[in-house]
Protein backbone atom coordinates (compact mmCIF):
# COMPACT_ATOMS: atom_id res chain seq x y z
CA MET A 1 16.86 25.63 -1.94
CA VAL A 2 19.93 24.10 -0.15
CA LEU A 3 20.49 20.51 0.60
CA SER A 4 19.79 20.92 4.24
CA ASP A 5 16.15 21.62 3.54
CA ILE A 6 15.78 17.77 3.22
CA PRO A 7 14.75 16.62 6.83
CA TYR A 8 17.56 14.99 8.75
CA TYR A 9 15.72 11.88 9.44
CA LEU A 10 14.34 11.24 5.77
CA ILE A 11 17.51 9.95 4.22
CA PRO A 12 18.41 7.46 7.13
CA ALA A 13 14.94 6.31 7.24
CA PHE A 14 14.94 5.69 3.40
CA ALA A 15 18.25 3.83 3.77
CA LEU A 16 16.92 1.64 6.58
CA LEU A 17 13.82 0.93 4.61
CA MET A 18 15.93 -0.07 1.44
CA ALA A 19 18.17 -2.37 3.57
CA GLY A 20 15.19 -4.04 5.14
CA MET A 21 13.48 -4.48 1.82
CA ALA A 22 16.76 -6.05 0.46
CA GLY A 23 17.00 -8.36 3.32
CA TRP A 24 13.47 -9.56 2.92
CA PHE A 25 13.84 -10.12 -0.83
CA ALA A 26 17.12 -12.00 -0.24
CA TRP A 27 15.21 -14.17 2.21
CA ARG A 28 12.52 -14.87 -0.37
CA GLN A 29 15.06 -15.84 -2.89
CA MET A 30 16.72 -18.26 -0.51
CA GLN A 31 13.22 -19.96 -0.02
CA GLN A 32 12.87 -20.13 -3.92
CA LEU A 33 16.24 -21.75 -4.08
CA PHE A 34 15.41 -24.32 -1.42
CA TRP A 35 12.04 -24.87 -3.26
CA LEU A 36 14.00 -25.38 -6.51
CA ARG A 37 16.16 -27.93 -4.95
CA THR A 38 13.18 -30.15 -3.98
CA GLN A 39 11.40 -29.89 -7.49
CA ARG A 40 12.56 -32.99 -9.34
CA ASP A 41 10.12 -32.78 -12.22
CA LEU A 42 11.09 -29.39 -13.64
CA SER A 43 12.71 -29.19 -16.95
CA THR A 44 16.24 -27.97 -17.39
CA ASP A 45 14.84 -24.79 -19.04
CA GLU A 46 12.76 -24.09 -15.98
CA ARG A 47 15.49 -24.85 -13.64
CA SER A 48 17.92 -22.52 -15.53
CA TYR A 49 15.13 -19.71 -15.49
CA PHE A 50 14.62 -19.97 -11.86
CA ARG A 51 18.37 -20.08 -11.04
CA TRP A 52 19.26 -17.12 -13.10
CA GLN A 53 16.24 -15.33 -11.64
CA SER A 54 17.63 -15.88 -8.21
CA ILE A 55 21.10 -14.62 -9.36
CA ARG A 56 19.52 -11.46 -10.69
CA ARG A 57 17.48 -10.86 -7.72
CA PHE A 58 20.30 -11.47 -5.23
CA SER A 59 22.43 -8.94 -7.30
CA GLY A 60 19.48 -6.57 -6.96
CA CYS A 61 19.46 -7.18 -3.20
CA ALA A 62 23.34 -6.40 -3.02
CA LEU A 63 22.80 -3.30 -4.98
CA MET A 64 19.97 -2.09 -2.72
CA VAL A 65 22.18 -2.61 0.34
CA CYS A 66 25.00 -0.76 -1.40
CA VAL A 67 22.68 2.20 -2.25
CA ALA A 68 21.39 2.18 1.35
CA VAL A 69 24.79 2.31 2.88
CA MET A 70 25.90 5.07 0.48
CA LEU A 71 22.78 7.04 1.33
CA ALA A 72 23.51 6.61 5.02
CA GLY A 73 27.19 7.70 4.28
CA LEU A 74 25.86 10.92 2.95
CA MET A 75 24.72 11.76 6.43
CA GLY A 76 27.37 9.99 8.39
CA MET A 77 30.28 11.72 6.52
CA ARG A 78 28.34 15.01 6.65
CA ILE A 79 28.76 15.38 2.82
CA LEU A 80 25.42 17.27 2.52
CA GLU A 81 26.11 19.64 5.37
CA ARG A 82 29.63 20.66 4.08
CA LEU A 83 28.25 21.05 0.57
CA ASP A 84 25.58 23.40 2.11
CA GLU A 85 28.18 25.50 3.64
CA LEU A 86 29.97 25.94 0.41
CA ILE A 87 26.80 26.82 -1.37
CA ILE A 88 25.78 29.29 1.40
CA ARG A 89 29.10 30.84 1.36
CA SER A 90 28.84 31.36 -2.48
CA ASN A 91 25.48 32.79 -2.27
CA GLN A 92 26.46 35.15 0.49
CA ALA A 93 29.39 36.39 -1.54
CA GLN A 94 27.11 37.11 -4.52
CA ILE A 95 24.53 38.93 -2.25
CA ASP A 96 27.14 41.05 -0.89
CA ALA A 97 28.74 41.79 -4.39
CA GLN A 98 32.00 40.48 -3.23
CA PRO A 99 34.40 38.51 -5.33
CA LEU A 100 34.21 34.83 -4.82
CA THR A 101 37.16 33.54 -2.79
CA PRO A 102 38.74 30.52 -4.39
CA LEU A 103 38.35 27.04 -2.64
CA SER A 104 41.25 25.83 -0.47
CA ASP A 105 42.95 22.64 -1.38
CA GLU A 106 40.94 20.72 1.40
CA GLU A 107 37.76 22.17 -0.05
CA LYS A 108 38.65 21.17 -3.60
CA SER A 109 39.46 17.64 -2.57
CA PHE A 110 36.22 17.50 -0.67
CA VAL A 111 34.14 18.70 -3.59
CA LEU A 112 35.87 16.27 -5.99
CA PHE A 113 35.35 13.43 -3.36
CA SER A 114 31.72 14.40 -2.98
CA PHE A 115 31.10 14.43 -6.69
CA ALA A 116 32.80 11.06 -7.02
CA TYR A 117 30.76 9.74 -4.18
CA VAL A 118 27.41 10.94 -5.53
CA GLY A 119 28.45 9.69 -9.04
CA VAL A 120 28.98 6.14 -7.70
CA LEU A 121 25.81 6.42 -5.74
CA MET A 122 24.03 7.37 -8.98
CA GLY A 123 25.76 4.70 -10.83
CA ALA A 124 24.59 2.12 -8.36
CA VAL A 125 21.06 3.44 -8.61
CA MET A 126 21.24 3.23 -12.49
CA LEU A 127 22.63 -0.56 -12.22
CA LEU A 128 19.77 -1.32 -9.91
CA ILE A 129 17.33 0.06 -12.43
CA GLY A 130 19.05 -1.75 -15.35
CA LEU A 131 18.87 -4.87 -13.35
CA GLY A 132 15.17 -4.41 -12.79
CA LEU A 133 14.68 -3.90 -16.53
CA TRP A 134 16.71 -7.04 -17.38
CA GLU A 135 14.51 -8.98 -14.88
CA LEU A 136 11.35 -7.59 -16.59
CA ARG A 137 12.65 -8.74 -19.98
CA ALA A 138 13.57 -12.02 -18.61
CA ILE A 139 10.01 -12.63 -17.24
CA ARG A 140 8.55 -11.46 -20.49
CA LEU A 141 10.59 -13.88 -22.53
CA HIS A 142 9.91 -16.70 -20.28
CA GLY A 143 6.12 -16.04 -20.46
CA ILE A 144 6.35 -16.10 -24.29
CA ARG A 145 8.30 -19.35 -24.18
CA GLN A 146 5.70 -20.82 -21.89
CA ARG A 147 2.75 -19.62 -23.96
CA ARG A 148 4.46 -21.11 -27.14
CA ARG A 149 4.93 -24.43 -25.36
CA ILE A 150 1.15 -24.49 -24.25
CA ARG A 151 0.15 -23.84 -27.82
CA GLU A 152 2.34 -26.58 -29.18
CA ASP A 153 0.99 -29.06 -26.63
CA GLU A 154 -2.57 -28.00 -27.45
CA ARG A 155 -2.00 -28.49 -31.11
CA SER A 156 -0.47 -31.77 -30.72
CA MET A 157 -3.29 -32.89 -28.37
CA LEU A 158 -5.75 -31.88 -30.87
CA GLU A 159 -3.88 -33.62 -33.66
CA ARG A 160 -4.10 -36.92 -31.75
CA GLN A 161 -7.71 -36.44 -30.45
CA LEU A 162 -9.59 -34.98 -33.32
CA PRO A 163 -9.44 -37.98 -35.76
CA ALA A 164 -10.80 -40.38 -32.90
CA LEU A 165 -13.55 -37.70 -32.16
CA TYR A 166 -14.47 -37.63 -35.96
CA ARG A 167 -14.55 -41.37 -36.04
CA GLU A 168 -16.89 -41.49 -32.91
CA ARG A 169 -19.23 -38.96 -34.40
CA ARG A 170 -19.50 -40.84 -37.83
CA GLN A 171 -20.44 -44.09 -36.00
CA GLU A 172 -23.18 -42.53 -33.99
CA PRO A 173 -26.69 -42.91 -35.48
CA GLY A 174 -28.10 -39.82 -37.01
CA ASN A 175 -24.72 -38.20 -37.55
CA TRP A 176 -24.10 -39.20 -41.19
CA ASP A 177 -21.97 -37.22 -43.61
CA GLU A 178 -23.68 -35.90 -46.66
CA ASP A 179 -21.52 -37.93 -48.92
CA ASP A 180 -22.85 -41.20 -47.30
CA ASP A 181 -25.83 -42.87 -48.75
CA ARG A 182 -27.17 -43.83 -45.42
CA PRO A 183 -30.60 -42.49 -44.37
CA GLN A 184 -30.56 -39.40 -42.30
């Protein structure tokens, strides 16, 4: 399989889809920042969480645009086509049992450039994945903190309300403790 077996329209369509999604996600984060500005009753912990969430997500949007532009660059600079030509020439030489001709200086520099280009593209994709994992971890930690806060609030509420509830139950007729000498 050579690289040109990929349909010509697939990479630019995927690049446009990624750029569109990045724009939509950035717009949603702008809405969240405007919402955050209007919320006066949020704690500093909540504000910090939402602010850092927006920073992480804006960074993800920027990386998505970077990956989309680099994918479009694969087609625009004809990197895939030129690599295909080199692969076909090498395969043809092996089929014909001819010795491989060494690459010219231009071809060597192109191969090095294309490897570096694809390496940077893969690095951006890995950063995007890492950023997504960081976001998942932050969401999980925030959920754990929220659950802990709710449990503490419930515990303090019960500590305040249970003694009053016990006093009320003792005072109602027919609800006497066994230790009391009152009739049941």
